[in-house]
Amino acid sequence: MKRWLFDLGNSRLKCVRLHADGSLGEVSALAHGEHGFSEALDALLPARAGSACLASVASPQLTATVVETLATRFQRISLARSVAQLVGVRIAYAQPARLGVDRFLALLAAHARSPGGALVVGVGTAMTLDLLDAAGQHRGGRIGPSPALMRQALHTAAAHLPAQGGRYREFADDTDDALASGCEGAALGLVERSLQQAAALLGKTPQLLLHGGGAEALLPHFPQALHVPSLVLEGLALWSQAGQAPSP
């Protein structure tokens, strides 16, 4: 039975076909805030397929709209949810449902990729950091604004400050560069401190995994990091294969 995976974020919908051997096909991404999203999604979907697994951190309204579209093509649809324990990963939250499903799925994939422990950093609208030890225990995490969100917030509060542009410099002599350096530098500092604290807690530095639309900007500063753009989809594949498939 053909199975497709869908990761609905705050700005994009990513989708991929799951092969029989558990590997992912080619990932497609659609910006759902742009005109023509519904038409683009309709053109991307297969005429008929067996099942669809959806992970969503988007609004209930948008999630419902995507589910309705998927229901016209797939025999069965399931929505991923965070649970206390799955495929060797145990969540630190006393109420697992409060852990964003994207963070949960990224932890599943991180444990499979880096069984020695990992610091998982997602850079999207928000910036999330989650620590996973070698035993699969989630040690907790942090949530902060991404560099892009920081820039947008500054622009909203002071319209003369541009929301985009500039380049990272340690000490900038231009406003655009200073903005880029300050917002990106805040994210870098958060990752660096988290790595330091993680090393102190675990007794070794964990593998750094970066994912999300804003991850590429941080990569030059962390040559030891693994860039895993499809980490959430990889986790969704593990979730679906573990039989966690309640209907919406």
Protein backbone atom coordinates (compact mmCIF):
# COMPACT_ATOMS: atom_id res chain seq x y z
CA MET A 1 0.00 0.00 0.00
CA LYS A 2 1.47 3.32 -1.05
CA ARG A 3 2.10 5.65 1.90
CA TRP A 4 2.80 9.37 1.77
CA LEU A 5 4.12 11.60 4.53
CA PHE A 6 3.20 15.27 5.07
CA ASP A 7 4.90 17.81 7.36
CA LEU A 8 2.74 20.93 7.72
CA GLY A 9 4.71 23.76 9.33
CA ASN A 10 4.04 27.42 9.97
CA SER A 11 5.06 28.45 6.47
CA ARG A 12 5.48 25.34 4.30
CA LEU A 13 4.00 21.93 3.59
CA LYS A 14 6.61 19.27 2.86
CA CYS A 15 5.56 15.93 1.43
CA VAL A 16 7.22 12.74 0.28
CA ARG A 17 6.40 9.18 -0.69
CA LEU A 18 7.60 6.50 1.71
CA HIS A 19 9.22 3.57 -0.09
CA ALA A 20 8.64 -0.03 0.94
CA ASP A 21 12.15 -0.26 2.43
CA GLY A 22 11.46 2.69 4.71
CA SER A 23 13.48 5.23 2.72
CA LEU A 24 12.10 8.56 1.58
CA GLY A 25 11.53 9.59 -2.01
CA GLU A 26 12.07 13.10 -3.34
CA VAL A 27 10.76 15.74 -0.94
CA SER A 28 8.51 18.50 -2.31
CA ALA A 29 7.81 21.74 -0.44
CA LEU A 30 4.97 24.22 -0.94
CA ALA A 31 4.61 27.61 0.74
CA HIS A 32 1.04 27.58 2.01
CA GLY A 33 0.87 31.33 2.55
CA GLU A 34 1.14 32.02 -1.17
CA HIS A 35 -1.64 32.27 -3.75
CA GLY A 36 -2.26 29.02 -5.56
CA PHE A 37 -1.28 26.71 -2.70
CA SER A 38 -4.39 24.54 -3.00
CA GLU A 39 -3.93 24.16 -6.74
CA ALA A 40 -0.24 23.29 -6.35
CA LEU A 41 -1.02 20.69 -3.71
CA ASP A 42 -3.77 19.19 -5.84
CA ALA A 43 -1.37 18.84 -8.77
CA LEU A 44 1.30 17.25 -6.58
CA LEU A 45 -0.86 14.51 -5.04
CA PRO A 46 -1.33 11.08 -6.61
CA ALA A 47 -4.72 10.33 -8.17
CA ARG A 48 -5.33 7.62 -5.58
CA ALA A 49 -3.10 6.13 -2.88
CA GLY A 50 -3.35 4.00 0.22
CA SER A 51 -2.50 6.12 3.23
CA ALA A 52 -1.27 9.54 4.30
CA CYS A 53 0.42 10.46 7.58
CA LEU A 54 0.29 14.13 8.53
CA ALA A 55 2.28 15.99 11.18
CA SER A 56 1.03 19.54 11.69
CA VAL A 57 2.00 22.51 13.84
CA ALA A 58 -0.11 24.86 11.70
CA SER A 59 -3.46 26.35 12.71
CA PRO A 60 -6.44 24.01 13.19
CA GLN A 61 -8.14 25.68 10.23
CA LEU A 62 -5.26 25.08 7.82
CA THR A 63 -4.76 21.55 9.15
CA ALA A 64 -8.43 20.78 8.52
CA THR A 65 -8.20 22.18 5.00
CA VAL A 66 -5.19 20.00 4.18
CA VAL A 67 -6.88 16.94 5.69
CA GLU A 68 -9.95 17.56 3.53
CA THR A 69 -7.77 17.73 0.43
CA LEU A 70 -5.90 14.55 1.35
CA ALA A 71 -9.20 12.75 1.98
CA THR A 72 -10.05 13.09 -1.72
CA ARG A 73 -6.97 11.05 -2.69
CA PHE A 74 -6.08 8.71 0.18
CA GLN A 75 -8.01 5.77 1.59
CA ARG A 76 -6.72 6.40 5.10
CA ILE A 77 -5.32 9.48 6.85
CA SER A 78 -3.57 9.56 10.23
CA LEU A 79 -2.38 12.50 12.31
CA ALA A 80 0.91 12.19 14.19
CA ARG A 81 0.86 13.04 17.89
CA SER A 82 3.54 13.22 20.56
CA VAL A 83 3.52 10.32 23.01
CA ALA A 84 5.56 9.53 26.12
CA GLN A 85 7.71 6.82 24.54
CA LEU A 86 8.29 5.41 21.07
CA VAL A 87 11.04 3.55 19.17
CA GLY A 88 13.52 3.92 22.01
CA VAL A 89 12.87 7.61 22.76
CA ARG A 90 11.37 8.76 26.07
CA ILE A 91 10.02 12.29 26.33
CA ALA A 92 10.93 14.54 29.27
CA TYR A 93 7.58 16.36 29.30
CA ALA A 94 5.15 15.22 32.00
CA GLN A 95 2.41 15.96 29.46
CA PRO A 96 3.81 14.67 26.14
CA ALA A 97 1.00 16.26 24.15
CA ARG A 98 2.46 19.67 25.03
CA LEU A 99 5.65 18.85 23.12
CA GLY A 100 5.28 20.03 19.52
CA VAL A 101 4.87 17.07 17.21
CA ASP A 102 7.64 18.39 14.94
CA ARG A 103 10.08 18.35 17.88
CA PHE A 104 8.90 14.88 18.88
CA LEU A 105 9.36 13.42 15.41
CA ALA A 106 12.76 15.10 15.03
CA LEU A 107 13.85 13.36 18.25
CA LEU A 108 12.78 9.96 16.88
CA ALA A 109 14.85 10.54 13.75
CA ALA A 110 17.79 11.92 15.76
CA HIS A 111 17.92 8.81 17.93
CA ALA A 112 18.01 6.62 14.83
CA ARG A 113 20.73 8.75 13.22
CA SER A 114 22.85 9.54 16.29
CA PRO A 115 22.44 6.83 18.94
CA GLY A 116 25.27 8.37 20.97
CA GLY A 117 23.17 11.45 21.79
CA ALA A 118 22.20 14.59 19.91
CA LEU A 119 21.33 18.25 20.24
CA VAL A 120 18.51 18.77 17.76
CA VAL A 121 18.10 22.34 16.52
CA GLY A 122 15.15 23.31 14.36
CA VAL A 123 15.24 26.76 12.74
CA GLY A 124 11.88 27.79 11.36
CA THR A 125 9.51 30.49 12.56
CA ALA A 126 10.67 29.57 16.04
CA MET A 127 14.02 28.10 16.98
CA THR A 128 13.83 24.91 19.03
CA LEU A 129 16.63 23.01 20.76
CA ASP A 130 16.18 19.54 22.26
CA LEU A 131 18.75 17.35 23.97
CA LEU A 132 18.67 13.57 23.61
CA ASP A 133 21.08 11.28 25.45
CA ALA A 134 22.52 7.95 24.29
CA ALA A 135 19.81 6.00 26.12
CA GLY A 136 17.09 7.77 24.15
CA GLN A 137 16.04 9.96 27.08
CA HIS A 138 14.91 13.43 26.12
CA ARG A 139 16.58 15.80 28.59
CA GLY A 140 14.37 18.77 27.69
CA GLY A 141 14.90 21.76 25.46
CA ARG A 142 14.49 25.44 24.69
CA ILE A 143 12.28 27.53 22.41
CA GLY A 144 13.20 30.97 21.13
CA PRO A 145 12.64 33.20 18.09
CA SER A 146 14.49 32.37 14.91
CA PRO A 147 16.77 35.01 13.36
CA ALA A 148 14.09 35.68 10.72
CA LEU A 149 11.43 36.21 13.38
CA MET A 150 13.74 38.53 15.34
CA ARG A 151 14.27 40.64 12.22
CA GLN A 152 10.54 40.76 11.55
CA ALA A 153 9.79 41.74 15.15
CA LEU A 154 12.30 44.60 14.99
CA HIS A 155 10.85 45.76 11.69
CA THR A 156 7.32 45.66 13.14
CA ALA A 157 8.38 47.73 16.15
CA ALA A 158 10.54 50.13 14.11
CA ALA A 159 9.61 50.21 10.42
CA HIS A 160 12.84 51.95 9.41
CA LEU A 161 14.77 48.80 10.36
CA PRO A 162 14.64 46.45 7.35
CA ALA A 163 13.22 42.96 7.87
CA GLN A 164 15.80 41.40 5.54
CA GLY A 165 19.27 41.98 4.17
CA GLY A 166 22.76 42.38 5.50
CA ARG A 167 25.40 39.77 6.28
CA TYR A 168 26.90 38.37 9.43
CA ARG A 169 29.96 40.20 10.76
CA GLU A 170 31.45 40.10 14.23
CA PHE A 171 31.37 43.89 14.50
CA ALA A 172 29.36 45.53 11.75
CA ASP A 173 29.77 49.10 10.48
CA ASP A 174 26.46 49.14 8.61
CA THR A 175 22.90 48.90 9.98
CA ASP A 176 21.80 46.04 7.72
CA ASP A 177 24.89 44.03 8.65
CA ALA A 178 24.44 44.91 12.32
CA LEU A 179 20.87 43.61 12.25
CA ALA A 180 21.87 40.40 10.51
CA SER A 181 24.78 39.93 12.89
CA GLY A 182 22.75 40.61 16.01
CA CYS A 183 19.83 38.34 15.19
CA GLU A 184 21.94 35.54 13.75
CA GLY A 185 24.47 35.97 16.54
CA ALA A 186 21.75 35.54 19.17
CA ALA A 187 20.85 32.19 17.61
CA LEU A 188 24.49 31.14 17.43
CA GLY A 189 25.00 32.02 21.07
CA LEU A 190 21.99 29.94 22.10
CA VAL A 191 23.29 26.91 20.21
CA GLU A 192 26.83 27.34 21.57
CA ARG A 193 25.63 27.62 25.19
CA SER A 194 23.31 24.64 24.73
CA LEU A 195 26.21 22.55 23.41
CA GLN A 196 28.35 23.55 26.38
CA GLN A 197 25.64 22.72 28.89
CA ALA A 198 24.83 19.47 27.10
CA ALA A 199 28.47 18.39 27.25
CA ALA A 200 28.57 19.13 30.97
CA LEU A 201 25.37 17.17 31.53
CA LEU A 202 26.19 14.15 29.36
CA GLY A 203 29.93 14.03 29.86
CA LYS A 204 30.56 14.49 26.14
CA THR A 205 29.51 16.82 23.36
CA PRO A 206 26.46 15.45 21.53
CA GLN A 207 26.08 15.36 17.77
CA LEU A 208 24.60 18.64 16.54
CA LEU A 209 21.71 18.16 14.07
CA LEU A 210 20.31 21.20 12.23
CA HIS A 211 17.04 21.26 10.32
CA GLY A 212 14.40 23.75 9.24
CA GLY A 213 14.24 26.48 6.62
CA GLY A 214 16.69 28.76 8.45
CA ALA A 215 19.29 26.12 9.28
CA GLU A 216 21.57 26.78 6.32
CA ALA A 217 22.53 30.24 7.59
CA LEU A 218 23.94 28.69 10.77
CA LEU A 219 25.87 25.87 9.11
CA PRO A 220 29.07 27.83 8.32
CA HIS A 221 29.48 28.51 12.05
CA PHE A 222 29.14 24.84 13.05
CA PRO A 223 31.30 22.70 10.75
CA GLN A 224 30.72 19.69 13.01
CA ALA A 225 26.94 19.82 12.51
CA LEU A 226 24.87 17.52 10.35
CA HIS A 227 22.35 19.30 8.15
CA VAL A 228 19.25 17.10 7.96
CA PRO A 229 16.51 19.05 6.12
CA SER A 230 14.03 16.16 6.22
CA LEU A 231 14.51 15.22 9.88
CA VAL A 232 10.81 15.64 10.78
CA LEU A 233 9.74 13.53 7.80
CA GLU A 234 12.27 10.86 8.80
CA GLY A 235 10.72 10.81 12.25
CA LEU A 236 7.23 10.66 10.75
CA ALA A 237 8.31 7.60 8.77
CA LEU A 238 9.43 5.92 12.01
CA TRP A 239 6.18 6.94 13.71
CA SER A 240 4.07 5.46 10.92
CA GLN A 241 6.09 2.25 10.80
CA ALA A 242 5.66 1.82 14.56
CA GLY A 243 1.92 1.57 14.01
CA GLN A 244 1.05 4.94 15.55
CA ALA A 245 -1.72 5.82 13.16
CA PRO A 246 -4.92 7.15 14.75
CA SER A 247 -7.45 8.64 12.36
CA PRO A 248 -8.05 12.41 12.47
